[in-house]
Every structure is written in C-alpha cells, then in structure tokens.
Amino acid sequence: NPKVIYFYYPLGSEVNLLPLAEELLKEEYSAEAAAP
C-alpha cells in the first residue's frame, strides 16, 4: 500500500507496466477511488 510509486516508461523489449500505471492513475482520479 505505497503512497508513492515510481514507474518507468518501457523501451524496446522491456517489461511493459504501463497498463498497471494507467489502472492506478484511473483509481486515483476516479470518484470511487479505491486507492489510498
């Protein structure tokens, strides 16, 4: 349950975590946010 998460933007064949970052951003900025 971290308050702050630092991601990276994938380059080439790196692991792509953008879908998770996007999901967490939507949580944070939605009216029904389940995020801290």
Full PDB file with SEQRES, HELIX, SHEET, SSBOND, CRYST1, ORIGX, SCALE, CONECT and MASTER records, all heavy atoms in Angstrom:
SEQRES   1 A   36  ASN PRO LYS VAL ILE TYR PHE TYR TYR PRO LEU GLY SER          
SEQRES   2 A   36  GLU VAL ASN LEU LEU PRO LEU ALA GLU GLU LEU LEU LYS          
SEQRES   3 A   36  GLU GLU TYR SER ALA GLU ALA ALA ALA PRO                      
HELIX    1 AA1 LEU A   18  TYR A   29  1                                  12    
CRYST1    1.000    1.000    1.000  90.00  90.00  90.00 P 1           1          
ORIGX1      1.000000  0.000000  0.000000        0.00000                         
ORIGX2      0.000000  1.000000  0.000000        0.00000                         
ORIGX3      0.000000  0.000000  1.000000        0.00000                         
SCALE1      1.000000  0.000000  0.000000        0.00000                         
SCALE2      0.000000  1.000000  0.000000        0.00000                         
SCALE3      0.000000  0.000000  1.000000        0.00000                         
ATOM      1  N   ASN A   1       0.795  -1.225   0.000  1.00  0.00           N  
ATOM      2  CA  ASN A   1       0.000   0.000   0.000  1.00  0.00           C  
ATOM      3  C   ASN A   1       0.835   1.286   0.000  1.00  0.00           C  
ATOM      4  O   ASN A   1       0.672   2.139   0.875  1.00  0.00           O  
ATOM      5  CB  ASN A   1      -0.940  -0.023   1.210  1.00  0.00           C  
ATOM      6  CG  ASN A   1      -2.152   0.840   0.989  1.00  0.00           C  
ATOM      7  OD1 ASN A   1      -2.492   1.181  -0.142  1.00  0.00           O  
ATOM      8  ND2 ASN A   1      -2.810   1.210   2.070  1.00  0.00           N  
ATOM      9  N   PRO A   2       1.711   1.459  -0.996  1.00  0.00           N  
ATOM     10  CA  PRO A   2       2.553   2.662  -1.013  1.00  0.00           C  
ATOM     11  C   PRO A   2       1.761   3.906  -1.410  1.00  0.00           C  
ATOM     12  O   PRO A   2       0.828   3.826  -2.206  1.00  0.00           O  
ATOM     13  CB  PRO A   2       3.604   2.339  -2.079  1.00  0.00           C  
ATOM     14  CG  PRO A   2       2.876   1.420  -3.013  1.00  0.00           C  
ATOM     15  CD  PRO A   2       1.943   0.612  -2.159  1.00  0.00           C  
ATOM     16  N   LYS A   3       2.137   5.031  -0.849  1.00  0.00           N  
ATOM     17  CA  LYS A   3       1.511   6.310  -1.214  1.00  0.00           C  
ATOM     18  C   LYS A   3       2.094   6.838  -2.522  1.00  0.00           C  
ATOM     19  O   LYS A   3       1.435   7.582  -3.239  1.00  0.00           O  
ATOM     20  CB  LYS A   3       1.750   7.348  -0.112  1.00  0.00           C  
ATOM     21  CG  LYS A   3       0.946   7.114   1.131  1.00  0.00           C  
ATOM     22  CD  LYS A   3      -0.430   7.684   0.941  1.00  0.00           C  
ATOM     23  CE  LYS A   3      -1.173   7.755   2.263  1.00  0.00           C  
ATOM     24  NZ  LYS A   3      -2.547   8.158   2.079  1.00  0.00           N  
ATOM     25  N   VAL A   4       3.355   6.482  -2.802  1.00  0.00           N  
ATOM     26  CA  VAL A   4       4.035   6.985  -3.990  1.00  0.00           C  
ATOM     27  C   VAL A   4       4.682   5.801  -4.724  1.00  0.00           C  
ATOM     28  O   VAL A   4       5.386   5.005  -4.109  1.00  0.00           O  
ATOM     29  CB  VAL A   4       5.113   8.031  -3.624  1.00  0.00           C  
ATOM     30  CG1 VAL A   4       5.815   8.551  -4.872  1.00  0.00           C  
ATOM     31  CG2 VAL A   4       4.509   9.176  -2.825  1.00  0.00           C  
ATOM     32  N   ILE A   5       4.412   5.705  -6.029  1.00  0.00           N  
ATOM     33  CA  ILE A   5       5.008   4.644  -6.849  1.00  0.00           C  
ATOM     34  C   ILE A   5       5.708   5.290  -8.038  1.00  0.00           C  
ATOM     35  O   ILE A   5       5.112   6.091  -8.752  1.00  0.00           O  
ATOM     36  CB  ILE A   5       3.952   3.648  -7.376  1.00  0.00           C  
ATOM     37  CG1 ILE A   5       3.125   3.077  -6.225  1.00  0.00           C  
ATOM     38  CG2 ILE A   5       4.644   2.518  -8.159  1.00  0.00           C  
ATOM     39  CD1 ILE A   5       1.961   2.211  -6.680  1.00  0.00           C  
ATOM     40  N   TYR A   6       6.975   4.944  -8.206  1.00  0.00           N  
ATOM     41  CA  TYR A   6       7.747   5.405  -9.358  1.00  0.00           C  
ATOM     42  C   TYR A   6       7.809   4.270 -10.373  1.00  0.00           C  
ATOM     43  O   TYR A   6       8.331   3.195 -10.071  1.00  0.00           O  
ATOM     44  CB  TYR A   6       9.172   5.775  -8.949  1.00  0.00           C  
ATOM     45  CG  TYR A   6       9.319   6.981  -8.054  1.00  0.00           C  
ATOM     46  CD1 TYR A   6      10.555   7.293  -7.513  1.00  0.00           C  
ATOM     47  CD2 TYR A   6       8.251   7.813  -7.741  1.00  0.00           C  
ATOM     48  CE1 TYR A   6      10.737   8.397  -6.697  1.00  0.00           C  
ATOM     49  CE2 TYR A   6       8.417   8.923  -6.923  1.00  0.00           C  
ATOM     50  CZ  TYR A   6       9.660   9.209  -6.398  1.00  0.00           C  
ATOM     51  OH  TYR A   6       9.828  10.300  -5.583  1.00  0.00           O  
ATOM     52  N   PHE A   7       7.280   4.517 -11.562  1.00  0.00           N  
ATOM     53  CA  PHE A   7       7.342   3.559 -12.662  1.00  0.00           C  
ATOM     54  C   PHE A   7       8.457   3.981 -13.624  1.00  0.00           C  
ATOM     55  O   PHE A   7       9.145   4.970 -13.400  1.00  0.00           O  
ATOM     56  CB  PHE A   7       6.003   3.525 -13.416  1.00  0.00           C  
ATOM     57  CG  PHE A   7       4.934   2.718 -12.742  1.00  0.00           C  
ATOM     58  CD1 PHE A   7       4.040   3.320 -11.870  1.00  0.00           C  
ATOM     59  CD2 PHE A   7       4.801   1.359 -12.994  1.00  0.00           C  
ATOM     60  CE1 PHE A   7       3.034   2.579 -11.248  1.00  0.00           C  
ATOM     61  CE2 PHE A   7       3.807   0.617 -12.386  1.00  0.00           C  
ATOM     62  CZ  PHE A   7       2.921   1.227 -11.511  1.00  0.00           C  
ATOM     63  N   TYR A   8       8.606   3.234 -14.713  1.00  0.00           N  
ATOM     64  CA  TYR A   8       9.484   3.628 -15.815  1.00  0.00           C  
ATOM     65  C   TYR A   8       8.688   3.449 -17.093  1.00  0.00           C  
ATOM     66  O   TYR A   8       7.735   2.664 -17.144  1.00  0.00           O  
ATOM     67  CB  TYR A   8      10.767   2.777 -15.849  1.00  0.00           C  
ATOM     68  CG  TYR A   8      10.513   1.310 -16.107  1.00  0.00           C  
ATOM     69  CD1 TYR A   8      10.435   0.801 -17.405  1.00  0.00           C  
ATOM     70  CD2 TYR A   8      10.311   0.422 -15.045  1.00  0.00           C  
ATOM     71  CE1 TYR A   8      10.177  -0.542 -17.639  1.00  0.00           C  
ATOM     72  CE2 TYR A   8      10.047  -0.915 -15.268  1.00  0.00           C  
ATOM     73  CZ  TYR A   8       9.981  -1.393 -16.570  1.00  0.00           C  
ATOM     74  OH  TYR A   8       9.703  -2.720 -16.793  1.00  0.00           O  
ATOM     75  N   TYR A   9       9.061   4.182 -18.126  1.00  0.00           N  
ATOM     76  CA  TYR A   9       8.394   4.046 -19.426  1.00  0.00           C  
ATOM     77  C   TYR A   9       9.194   3.029 -20.228  1.00  0.00           C  
ATOM     78  O   TYR A   9      10.390   3.218 -20.441  1.00  0.00           O  
ATOM     79  CB  TYR A   9       8.365   5.399 -20.146  1.00  0.00           C  
ATOM     80  CG  TYR A   9       7.214   5.531 -21.110  1.00  0.00           C  
ATOM     81  CD1 TYR A   9       6.084   6.273 -20.769  1.00  0.00           C  
ATOM     82  CD2 TYR A   9       7.238   4.910 -22.353  1.00  0.00           C  
ATOM     83  CE1 TYR A   9       5.010   6.397 -21.642  1.00  0.00           C  
ATOM     84  CE2 TYR A   9       6.172   5.021 -23.229  1.00  0.00           C  
ATOM     85  CZ  TYR A   9       5.056   5.765 -22.868  1.00  0.00           C  
ATOM     86  OH  TYR A   9       3.990   5.877 -23.733  1.00  0.00           O  
ATOM     87  N   PRO A  10       8.566   1.923 -20.667  1.00  0.00           N  
ATOM     88  CA  PRO A  10       9.337   0.848 -21.317  1.00  0.00           C  
ATOM     89  C   PRO A  10       9.926   1.268 -22.655  1.00  0.00           C  
ATOM     90  O   PRO A  10       9.342   2.045 -23.396  1.00  0.00           O  
ATOM     91  CB  PRO A  10       8.294  -0.260 -21.502  1.00  0.00           C  
ATOM     92  CG  PRO A  10       6.994   0.462 -21.584  1.00  0.00           C  
ATOM     93  CD  PRO A  10       7.129   1.652 -20.666  1.00  0.00           C  
ATOM     94  N   LEU A  11      11.086   0.723 -22.921  1.00  0.00           N  
ATOM     95  CA  LEU A  11      11.777   0.970 -24.178  1.00  0.00           C  
ATOM     96  C   LEU A  11      12.076  -0.383 -24.825  1.00  0.00           C  
ATOM     97  O   LEU A  11      12.590  -1.293 -24.161  1.00  0.00           O  
ATOM     98  CB  LEU A  11      13.080   1.734 -23.929  1.00  0.00           C  
ATOM     99  CG  LEU A  11      13.886   2.118 -25.169  1.00  0.00           C  
ATOM    100  CD1 LEU A  11      13.125   3.122 -26.028  1.00  0.00           C  
ATOM    101  CD2 LEU A  11      15.233   2.709 -24.758  1.00  0.00           C  
ATOM    102  N   GLY A  12      11.758  -0.511 -26.093  1.00  0.00           N  
ATOM    103  CA  GLY A  12      12.066  -1.753 -26.810  1.00  0.00           C  
ATOM    104  C   GLY A  12      11.367  -2.953 -26.203  1.00  0.00           C  
ATOM    105  O   GLY A  12      10.147  -2.964 -26.028  1.00  0.00           O  
ATOM    106  N   SER A  13      12.147  -3.954 -25.828  1.00  0.00           N  
ATOM    107  CA  SER A  13      11.591  -5.221 -25.343  1.00  0.00           C  
ATOM    108  C   SER A  13      11.481  -5.300 -23.821  1.00  0.00           C  
ATOM    109  O   SER A  13      11.303  -6.380 -23.270  1.00  0.00           O  
ATOM    110  CB  SER A  13      12.435  -6.385 -25.871  1.00  0.00           C  
ATOM    111  OG  SER A  13      13.782  -6.257 -25.420  1.00  0.00           O  
ATOM    112  N   GLU A  14      11.559  -4.155 -23.129  1.00  0.00           N  
ATOM    113  CA  GLU A  14      11.424  -4.158 -21.669  1.00  0.00           C  
ATOM    114  C   GLU A  14      10.016  -4.571 -21.243  1.00  0.00           C  
ATOM    115  O   GLU A  14       9.053  -4.432 -22.002  1.00  0.00           O  
ATOM    116  CB  GLU A  14      11.706  -2.763 -21.095  1.00  0.00           C  
ATOM    117  CG  GLU A  14      13.158  -2.374 -21.121  1.00  0.00           C  
ATOM    118  CD  GLU A  14      13.409  -0.999 -20.528  1.00  0.00           C  
ATOM    119  OE1 GLU A  14      12.507  -0.124 -20.566  1.00  0.00           O  
ATOM    120  OE2 GLU A  14      14.520  -0.791 -20.033  1.00  0.00           O  
ATOM    121  N   VAL A  15       9.908  -5.036 -20.000  1.00  0.00           N  
ATOM    122  CA  VAL A  15       8.605  -5.338 -19.410  1.00  0.00           C  
ATOM    123  C   VAL A  15       7.742  -4.077 -19.478  1.00  0.00           C  
ATOM    124  O   VAL A  15       8.183  -2.993 -19.085  1.00  0.00           O  
ATOM    125  CB  VAL A  15       8.760  -5.786 -17.939  1.00  0.00           C  
ATOM    126  CG1 VAL A  15       7.397  -5.941 -17.283  1.00  0.00           C  
ATOM    127  CG2 VAL A  15       9.551  -7.082 -17.842  1.00  0.00           C  
ATOM    128  N   ASN A  16       6.520  -4.226 -19.975  1.00  0.00           N  
ATOM    129  CA  ASN A  16       5.606  -3.092 -20.117  1.00  0.00           C  
ATOM    130  C   ASN A  16       4.634  -3.052 -18.941  1.00  0.00           C  
ATOM    131  O   ASN A  16       3.725  -3.885 -18.852  1.00  0.00           O  
ATOM    132  CB  ASN A  16       4.840  -3.203 -21.435  1.00  0.00           C  
ATOM    133  CG  ASN A  16       3.880  -2.042 -21.633  1.00  0.00           C  
ATOM    134  OD1 ASN A  16       3.844  -1.099 -20.850  1.00  0.00           O  
ATOM    135  ND2 ASN A  16       3.086  -2.125 -22.674  1.00  0.00           N  
ATOM    136  N   LEU A  17       4.825  -2.078 -18.066  1.00  0.00           N  
ATOM    137  CA  LEU A  17       3.964  -1.916 -16.898  1.00  0.00           C  
ATOM    138  C   LEU A  17       2.992  -0.751 -17.054  1.00  0.00           C  
ATOM    139  O   LEU A  17       2.305  -0.386 -16.106  1.00  0.00           O  
ATOM    140  CB  LEU A  17       4.834  -1.699 -15.646  1.00  0.00           C  
ATOM    141  CG  LEU A  17       5.801  -2.839 -15.332  1.00  0.00           C  
ATOM    142  CD1 LEU A  17       6.709  -2.455 -14.175  1.00  0.00           C  
ATOM    143  CD2 LEU A  17       5.051  -4.118 -15.023  1.00  0.00           C  
ATOM    144  N   LEU A  18       2.909  -0.182 -18.256  1.00  0.00           N  
ATOM    145  CA  LEU A  18       2.013   0.959 -18.465  1.00  0.00           C  
ATOM    146  C   LEU A  18       0.548   0.634 -18.174  1.00  0.00           C  
ATOM    147  O   LEU A  18      -0.161   1.487 -17.617  1.00  0.00           O  
ATOM    148  CB  LEU A  18       2.182   1.514 -19.879  1.00  0.00           C  
ATOM    149  CG  LEU A  18       3.529   2.186 -20.179  1.00  0.00           C  
ATOM    150  CD1 LEU A  18       3.557   2.685 -21.612  1.00  0.00           C  
ATOM    151  CD2 LEU A  18       3.822   3.307 -19.200  1.00  0.00           C  
ATOM    152  N   PRO A  19       0.054  -0.581 -18.503  1.00  0.00           N  
ATOM    153  CA  PRO A  19      -1.338  -0.872 -18.159  1.00  0.00           C  
ATOM    154  C   PRO A  19      -1.612  -0.763 -16.653  1.00  0.00           C  
ATOM    155  O   PRO A  19      -2.659  -0.265 -16.241  1.00  0.00           O  
ATOM    156  CB  PRO A  19      -1.553  -2.303 -18.663  1.00  0.00           C  
ATOM    157  CG  PRO A  19      -0.570  -2.441 -19.788  1.00  0.00           C  
ATOM    158  CD  PRO A  19       0.635  -1.651 -19.329  1.00  0.00           C  
ATOM    159  N   LEU A  20      -0.659  -1.202 -15.824  1.00  0.00           N  
ATOM    160  CA  LEU A  20      -0.839  -1.088 -14.376  1.00  0.00           C  
ATOM    161  C   LEU A  20      -0.772   0.372 -13.936  1.00  0.00           C  
ATOM    162  O   LEU A  20      -1.580   0.820 -13.117  1.00  0.00           O  
ATOM    163  CB  LEU A  20       0.213  -1.915 -13.632  1.00  0.00           C  
ATOM    164  CG  LEU A  20       0.164  -1.792 -12.100  1.00  0.00           C  
ATOM    165  CD1 LEU A  20      -1.198  -2.203 -11.545  1.00  0.00           C  
ATOM    166  CD2 LEU A  20       1.283  -2.609 -11.468  1.00  0.00           C  
ATOM    167  N   ALA A  21       0.178   1.119 -14.476  1.00  0.00           N  
ATOM    168  CA  ALA A  21       0.272   2.545 -14.133  1.00  0.00           C  
ATOM    169  C   ALA A  21      -1.023   3.255 -14.488  1.00  0.00           C  
ATOM    170  O   ALA A  21      -1.551   4.058 -13.701  1.00  0.00           O  
ATOM    171  CB  ALA A  21       1.463   3.183 -14.853  1.00  0.00           C  
ATOM    172  N   GLU A  22      -1.564   2.927 -15.665  1.00  0.00           N  
ATOM    173  CA  GLU A  22      -2.812   3.554 -16.102  1.00  0.00           C  
ATOM    174  C   GLU A  22      -3.968   3.175 -15.173  1.00  0.00           C  
ATOM    175  O   GLU A  22      -4.792   4.017 -14.805  1.00  0.00           O  
ATOM    176  CB  GLU A  22      -3.119   3.149 -17.537  1.00  0.00           C  
ATOM    177  CG  GLU A  22      -4.317   3.864 -18.126  1.00  0.00           C  
ATOM    178  CD  GLU A  22      -4.444   3.629 -19.614  1.00  0.00           C  
ATOM    179  OE1 GLU A  22      -4.215   2.494 -20.075  1.00  0.00           O  
ATOM    180  OE2 GLU A  22      -4.782   4.600 -20.313  1.00  0.00           O  
ATOM    181  N   GLU A  23      -4.016   1.919 -14.785  1.00  0.00           N  
ATOM    182  CA  GLU A  23      -5.067   1.452 -13.869  1.00  0.00           C  
ATOM    183  C   GLU A  23      -4.982   2.194 -12.529  1.00  0.00           C  
ATOM    184  O   GLU A  23      -6.003   2.649 -12.001  1.00  0.00           O  
ATOM    185  CB  GLU A  23      -4.893  -0.057 -13.650  1.00  0.00           C  
ATOM    186  CG  GLU A  23      -5.898  -0.688 -12.719  1.00  0.00           C  
ATOM    187  CD  GLU A  23      -5.577  -2.154 -12.455  1.00  0.00           C  
ATOM    188  OE1 GLU A  23      -5.006  -2.830 -13.336  1.00  0.00           O  
ATOM    189  OE2 GLU A  23      -5.911  -2.619 -11.354  1.00  0.00           O  
ATOM    190  N   LEU A  24      -3.785   2.338 -12.005  1.00  0.00           N  
ATOM    191  CA  LEU A  24      -3.613   3.035 -10.730  1.00  0.00           C  
ATOM    192  C   LEU A  24      -3.945   4.518 -10.853  1.00  0.00           C  
ATOM    193  O   LEU A  24      -4.509   5.113  -9.931  1.00  0.00           O  
ATOM    194  CB  LEU A  24      -2.186   2.837 -10.206  1.00  0.00           C  
ATOM    195  CG  LEU A  24      -1.830   1.390  -9.819  1.00  0.00           C  
ATOM    196  CD1 LEU A  24      -0.354   1.270  -9.477  1.00  0.00           C  
ATOM    197  CD2 LEU A  24      -2.689   0.903  -8.665  1.00  0.00           C  
ATOM    198  N   LEU A  25      -3.609   5.116 -11.989  1.00  0.00           N  
ATOM    199  CA  LEU A  25      -3.972   6.520 -12.216  1.00  0.00           C  
ATOM    200  C   LEU A  25      -5.486   6.684 -12.278  1.00  0.00           C  
ATOM    201  O   LEU A  25      -6.034   7.631 -11.707  1.00  0.00           O  
ATOM    202  CB  LEU A  25      -3.330   7.035 -13.504  1.00  0.00           C  
ATOM    203  CG  LEU A  25      -1.851   7.378 -13.434  1.00  0.00           C  
ATOM    204  CD1 LEU A  25      -1.271   7.551 -14.831  1.00  0.00           C  
ATOM    205  CD2 LEU A  25      -1.622   8.625 -12.586  1.00  0.00           C  
ATOM    206  N   LYS A  26      -6.178   5.776 -12.949  1.00  0.00           N  
ATOM    207  CA  LYS A  26      -7.636   5.844 -13.039  1.00  0.00           C  
ATOM    208  C   LYS A  26      -8.266   5.703 -11.661  1.00  0.00           C  
ATOM    209  O   LYS A  26      -9.229   6.387 -11.334  1.00  0.00           O  
ATOM    210  CB  LYS A  26      -8.168   4.770 -13.987  1.00  0.00           C  
ATOM    211  CG  LYS A  26      -7.985   5.117 -15.446  1.00  0.00           C  
ATOM    212  CD  LYS A  26      -8.528   4.031 -16.345  1.00  0.00           C  
ATOM    213  CE  LYS A  26      -8.289   4.366 -17.802  1.00  0.00           C  
ATOM    214  NZ  LYS A  26      -8.614   3.250 -18.694  1.00  0.00           N  
ATOM    215  N   GLU A  27      -7.711   4.792 -10.852  1.00  0.00           N  
ATOM    216  CA  GLU A  27      -8.194   4.620  -9.477  1.00  0.00           C  
ATOM    217  C   GLU A  27      -8.066   5.923  -8.703  1.00  0.00           C  
ATOM    218  O   GLU A  27      -8.975   6.363  -8.027  1.00  0.00           O  
ATOM    219  CB  GLU A  27      -7.345   3.570  -8.748  1.00  0.00           C  
ATOM    220  CG  GLU A  27      -7.908   2.213  -8.733  1.00  0.00           C  
ATOM    221  CD  GLU A  27      -7.035   1.270  -7.936  1.00  0.00           C  
ATOM    222  OE1 GLU A  27      -6.235   1.708  -7.088  1.00  0.00           O  
ATOM    223  OE2 GLU A  27      -7.168   0.060  -8.172  1.00  0.00           O  
ATOM    224  N   GLU A  28      -6.891   6.517  -8.843  1.00  0.00           N  
ATOM    225  CA  GLU A  28      -6.593   7.730  -8.075  1.00  0.00           C  
ATOM    226  C   GLU A  28      -7.521   8.871  -8.458  1.00  0.00           C  
ATOM    227  O   GLU A  28      -7.931   9.650  -7.604  1.00  0.00           O  
ATOM    228  CB  GLU A  28      -5.132   8.135  -8.293  1.00  0.00           C  
ATOM    229  CG  GLU A  28      -4.716   9.396  -7.569  1.00  0.00           C  
ATOM    230  CD  GLU A  28      -4.915   9.353  -6.073  1.00  0.00           C  
ATOM    231  OE1 GLU A  28      -4.910   8.267  -5.469  1.00  0.00           O  
ATOM    232  OE2 GLU A  28      -5.097  10.430  -5.488  1.00  0.00           O  
ATOM    233  N   TYR A  29      -7.847   8.964  -9.728  1.00  0.00           N  
ATOM    234  CA  TYR A  29      -8.613  10.121 -10.185  1.00  0.00           C  
ATOM    235  C   TYR A  29     -10.080   9.813 -10.469  1.00  0.00           C  
ATOM    236  O   TYR A  29     -10.774  10.620 -11.051  1.00  0.00           O  
ATOM    237  CB  TYR A  29      -7.933  10.741 -11.420  1.00  0.00           C  
ATOM    238  CG  TYR A  29      -6.606  11.331 -11.027  1.00  0.00           C  
ATOM    239  CD1 TYR A  29      -5.428  10.651 -11.279  1.00  0.00           C  
ATOM    240  CD2 TYR A  29      -6.547  12.534 -10.332  1.00  0.00           C  
ATOM    241  CE1 TYR A  29      -4.204  11.168 -10.873  1.00  0.00           C  
ATOM    242  CE2 TYR A  29      -5.333  13.055  -9.926  1.00  0.00           C  
ATOM    243  CZ  TYR A  29      -4.170  12.375 -10.200  1.00  0.00           C  
ATOM    244  OH  TYR A  29      -2.958  12.879  -9.784  1.00  0.00           O  
ATOM    245  N   SER A  30     -10.558   8.653 -10.020  1.00  0.00           N  
ATOM    246  CA  SER A  30     -11.981   8.352 -10.183  1.00  0.00           C  
ATOM    247  C   SER A  30     -12.732   8.720  -8.910  1.00  0.00           C  
ATOM    248  O   SER A  30     -12.158   8.795  -7.826  1.00  0.00           O  
ATOM    249  CB  SER A  30     -12.184   6.864 -10.492  1.00  0.00           C  
ATOM    250  OG  SER A  30     -11.949   6.084  -9.334  1.00  0.00           O  
ATOM    251  N   ALA A  31     -14.032   8.922  -9.047  1.00  0.00           N  
ATOM    252  CA  ALA A  31     -14.854   9.305  -7.898  1.00  0.00           C  
ATOM    253  C   ALA A  31     -14.922   8.179  -6.871  1.00  0.00           C  
ATOM    254  O   ALA A  31     -15.008   8.435  -5.673  1.00  0.00           O  
ATOM    255  CB  ALA A  31     -16.255   9.681  -8.362  1.00  0.00           C  
ATOM    256  N   GLU A  32     -14.876   6.934  -7.350  1.00  0.00           N  
ATOM    257  CA  GLU A  32     -14.977   5.789  -6.427  1.00  0.00           C  
ATOM    258  C   GLU A  32     -13.587   5.219  -6.127  1.00  0.00           C  
ATOM    259  O   GLU A  32     -13.421   4.013  -5.991  1.00  0.00           O  
ATOM    260  CB  GLU A  32     -15.825   4.661  -7.034  1.00  0.00           C  
ATOM    261  CG  GLU A  32     -17.150   5.057  -7.613  1.00  0.00           C  
ATOM    262  CD  GLU A  32     -17.059   5.574  -9.039  1.00  0.00           C  
ATOM    263  OE1 GLU A  32     -16.276   5.036  -9.832  1.00  0.00           O  
ATOM    264  OE2 GLU A  32     -17.775   6.541  -9.334  1.00  0.00           O  
ATOM    265  N   ALA A  33     -12.603   6.054  -6.038  1.00  0.00           N  
ATOM    266  CA  ALA A  33     -11.216   5.594  -5.911  1.00  0.00           C  
ATOM    267  C   ALA A  33     -11.042   4.638  -4.738  1.00  0.00           C  
ATOM    268  O   ALA A  33     -11.427   4.926  -3.625  1.00  0.00           O  
ATOM    269  CB  ALA A  33     -10.281   6.774  -5.761  1.00  0.00           C  
ATOM    270  N   ALA A  34     -10.438   3.482  -5.054  1.00  0.00           N  
ATOM    271  CA  ALA A  34     -10.099   2.522  -4.011  1.00  0.00           C  
ATOM    272  C   ALA A  34      -8.658   2.732  -3.570  1.00  0.00           C  
ATOM    273  O   ALA A  34      -8.175   2.089  -2.661  1.00  0.00           O  
ATOM    274  CB  ALA A  34     -10.275   1.104  -4.541  1.00  0.00           C  
ATOM    275  N   ALA A  35      -7.968   3.632  -4.266  1.00  0.00           N  
ATOM    276  CA  ALA A  35      -6.562   3.899  -3.947  1.00  0.00           C  
ATOM    277  C   ALA A  35      -6.472   4.717  -2.673  1.00  0.00           C  
ATOM    278  O   ALA A  35      -7.390   5.439  -2.318  1.00  0.00           O  
ATOM    279  CB  ALA A  35      -5.916   4.666  -5.093  1.00  0.00           C  
ATOM    280  N   PRO A  36      -5.341   4.604  -1.961  1.00  0.00           N  
ATOM    281  CA  PRO A  36      -5.184   5.456  -0.778  1.00  0.00           C  
ATOM    282  C   PRO A  36      -5.218   6.920  -1.199  1.00  0.00           C  
ATOM    283  O   PRO A  36      -4.725   7.271  -2.267  1.00  0.00           O  
ATOM    284  CB  PRO A  36      -3.813   5.058  -0.228  1.00  0.00           C  
ATOM    285  CG  PRO A  36      -3.116   4.358  -1.328  1.00  0.00           C  
ATOM    286  CD  PRO A  36      -4.167   3.787  -2.229  1.00  0.00           C  
TER     287      PRO A  36                                                      
MASTER        0    0    0    1    0    0    0    6  286    1    0    3          
END                                                                             
